[in-house]
Amino acid sequence: GWMIGTGVVLAEHLDAGAMARNETTNTTESNTTKLTVFLSVHVGIHFICAFIELLIVHYSLRGSIFDVEKRLHVPRLLLVRIALPLFEVPWMGVGTKWAFDVDATSIKDLLVFGWISIGVFFAKILCTFDPCGIVHSPTPIDPRLSE
């Protein structure tokens, strides 16, 4: 859904940019080019994320969690997938600057949802991986386990 919405905004922006180039000066053409590059790279990043997620699913389905040989690539793919938003954050910053230099409401809406999705992604990472290594319960939940 996310890539389809971004693709629609990109197509809409390309049509609006073509009309603006016919009517105004090179400043609009430069801004249109910047936003087109931003949207194209943004779509590319999401396609790469989707492809890596498909690879993770493929390698995960090859065996159980104890089949280390069959699932050899899963940890590396997870690290790459987790690292991709680190490249997306500065790119979203560049896109935000470019979009607010121009009156591009649909791209601004896309950026708001992009920033929200990045925030949710990092919140999920913090909830999944305990960065401090805190022991949440000093005693086992089941008292029979301590015997």
Protein backbone atom coordinates (compact mmCIF):
# COMPACT_ATOMS: atom_id res chain seq x y z
CA GLY A 1 0.00 0.00 0.00
CA TRP A 2 2.79 2.40 0.92
CA MET A 3 4.62 1.99 -2.39
CA ILE A 4 1.40 2.36 -4.39
CA GLY A 5 0.57 5.62 -2.60
CA THR A 6 4.07 6.95 -3.17
CA GLY A 7 3.91 5.91 -6.83
CA VAL A 8 0.60 7.77 -7.27
CA VAL A 9 2.08 10.91 -5.69
CA LEU A 10 5.14 10.57 -7.94
CA ALA A 11 2.99 10.21 -11.07
CA GLU A 12 0.81 13.16 -10.00
CA HIS A 13 3.89 15.24 -9.31
CA LEU A 14 5.44 14.38 -12.67
CA ASP A 15 2.26 15.48 -14.48
CA ALA A 16 2.10 18.72 -12.46
CA GLY A 17 5.80 19.31 -13.07
CA ALA A 18 5.40 18.92 -16.83
CA MET A 19 2.59 21.47 -16.85
CA ALA A 20 4.57 23.88 -14.63
CA ARG A 21 7.61 23.66 -16.93
CA ASN A 22 5.51 24.77 -19.85
CA GLU A 23 4.21 27.81 -17.97
CA THR A 24 7.07 29.18 -15.83
CA THR A 25 10.83 29.58 -15.50
CA ASN A 26 13.81 27.34 -14.70
CA THR A 27 13.32 27.78 -10.92
CA THR A 28 10.19 25.66 -11.03
CA GLU A 29 11.95 23.14 -13.27
CA SER A 30 14.81 22.86 -10.76
CA ASN A 31 12.41 22.36 -7.85
CA THR A 32 10.38 19.84 -9.82
CA THR A 33 13.55 17.92 -10.65
CA LYS A 34 14.60 17.89 -6.98
CA LEU A 35 11.24 16.57 -5.83
CA THR A 36 11.15 13.99 -8.62
CA VAL A 37 14.58 12.73 -7.58
CA PHE A 38 13.45 12.63 -3.94
CA LEU A 39 10.30 10.66 -4.73
CA SER A 40 12.14 8.27 -7.05
CA VAL A 41 14.80 7.46 -4.44
CA HIS A 42 12.09 7.18 -1.77
CA VAL A 43 10.22 4.60 -3.86
CA GLY A 44 13.52 2.83 -4.53
CA ILE A 45 14.31 2.57 -0.82
CA HIS A 46 10.90 1.04 -0.16
CA PHE A 47 11.30 -1.45 -3.00
CA ILE A 48 14.67 -2.49 -1.55
CA CYS A 49 13.05 -2.91 1.89
CA ALA A 50 10.27 -5.03 0.41
CA PHE A 51 12.77 -7.18 -1.50
CA ILE A 52 14.89 -7.75 1.62
CA GLU A 53 11.75 -8.65 3.59
CA LEU A 54 10.83 -11.20 0.91
CA LEU A 55 14.32 -12.68 1.19
CA ILE A 56 13.97 -12.85 4.97
CA VAL A 57 10.66 -14.68 4.59
CA HIS A 58 12.16 -17.04 2.01
CA TYR A 59 15.16 -17.99 4.14
CA SER A 60 13.06 -18.17 7.31
CA LEU A 61 10.70 -20.68 5.74
CA ARG A 62 13.53 -23.02 4.80
CA GLY A 63 13.69 -24.59 8.24
CA SER A 64 13.01 -24.24 11.93
CA ILE A 65 14.94 -21.88 14.14
CA PHE A 66 17.33 -24.71 15.01
CA ASP A 67 18.27 -25.37 11.35
CA VAL A 68 21.21 -22.98 11.39
CA GLU A 69 22.59 -24.02 8.01
CA LYS A 70 19.31 -23.45 6.18
CA ARG A 71 18.72 -20.07 7.83
CA LEU A 72 22.31 -18.86 7.60
CA HIS A 73 21.49 -15.58 5.82
CA VAL A 74 18.58 -14.48 8.04
CA PRO A 75 20.63 -12.58 10.68
CA ARG A 76 22.57 -10.66 8.01
CA LEU A 77 19.41 -9.80 6.12
CA LEU A 78 17.77 -8.61 9.35
CA LEU A 79 20.74 -6.34 10.06
CA VAL A 80 20.56 -4.86 6.56
CA ARG A 81 16.80 -4.34 6.89
CA ILE A 82 17.22 -2.67 10.27
CA ALA A 83 19.99 -0.42 8.89
CA LEU A 84 18.02 0.85 5.87
CA PRO A 85 16.02 3.45 7.86
CA LEU A 86 19.35 4.95 8.90
CA PHE A 87 19.75 5.98 5.25
CA GLU A 88 16.10 6.95 4.94
CA VAL A 89 16.18 9.48 7.79
CA PRO A 90 18.67 11.90 6.17
CA TRP A 91 16.98 11.42 2.81
CA MET A 92 13.60 12.33 4.38
CA GLY A 93 15.28 15.43 5.84
CA VAL A 94 16.48 16.49 2.39
CA GLY A 95 13.03 15.79 0.94
CA THR A 96 11.38 17.78 3.71
CA LYS A 97 13.56 20.80 2.96
CA TRP A 98 12.87 20.53 -0.77
CA ALA A 99 9.12 20.04 -0.30
CA PHE A 100 8.76 23.05 1.98
CA ASP A 101 10.70 25.22 -0.48
CA VAL A 102 7.93 24.49 -3.00
CA ASP A 103 4.18 24.44 -2.52
CA ALA A 104 3.71 20.68 -2.89
CA THR A 105 0.88 19.64 -0.56
CA SER A 106 0.67 15.99 -1.63
CA ILE A 107 4.40 15.54 -1.08
CA LYS A 108 4.17 17.24 2.32
CA ASP A 109 1.43 14.78 3.29
CA LEU A 110 3.63 11.91 2.12
CA LEU A 111 6.51 13.25 4.21
CA VAL A 112 4.36 13.47 7.34
CA PHE A 113 3.35 9.84 6.97
CA GLY A 114 6.96 8.94 6.16
CA TRP A 115 8.24 10.55 9.36
CA ILE A 116 5.50 8.81 11.34
CA SER A 117 6.41 5.43 9.84
CA ILE A 118 10.10 5.97 10.63
CA GLY A 119 9.19 6.85 14.21
CA VAL A 120 7.02 3.74 14.53
CA PHE A 121 9.81 1.60 13.05
CA PHE A 122 12.36 2.85 15.58
CA ALA A 123 9.84 2.43 18.43
CA LYS A 124 9.32 -1.19 17.36
CA ILE A 125 13.08 -1.73 17.31
CA LEU A 126 13.42 -0.31 20.83
CA CYS A 127 10.56 -2.48 22.07
CA THR A 128 11.90 -5.61 20.41
CA PHE A 129 15.57 -5.30 21.31
CA ASP A 130 16.37 -4.29 24.86
CA PRO A 131 19.34 -1.92 24.38
CA CYS A 132 20.23 -1.78 28.07
CA GLY A 133 20.03 -5.48 28.80
CA ILE A 134 17.76 -4.86 31.77
CA VAL A 135 16.62 -7.89 33.69
CA HIS A 136 12.90 -7.35 34.05
CA SER A 137 12.22 -10.02 36.64
CA PRO A 138 14.81 -11.13 39.20
CA THR A 139 12.85 -14.30 39.98
CA PRO A 140 11.45 -16.76 37.48
CA ILE A 141 7.79 -16.34 36.65
CA ASP A 142 7.12 -20.01 37.41
CA PRO A 143 8.40 -20.88 40.93
CA ARG A 144 8.91 -24.52 39.87
CA LEU A 145 11.73 -23.38 37.55
CA SER A 146 13.88 -22.21 40.47
CA GLU A 147 13.96 -25.65 42.08
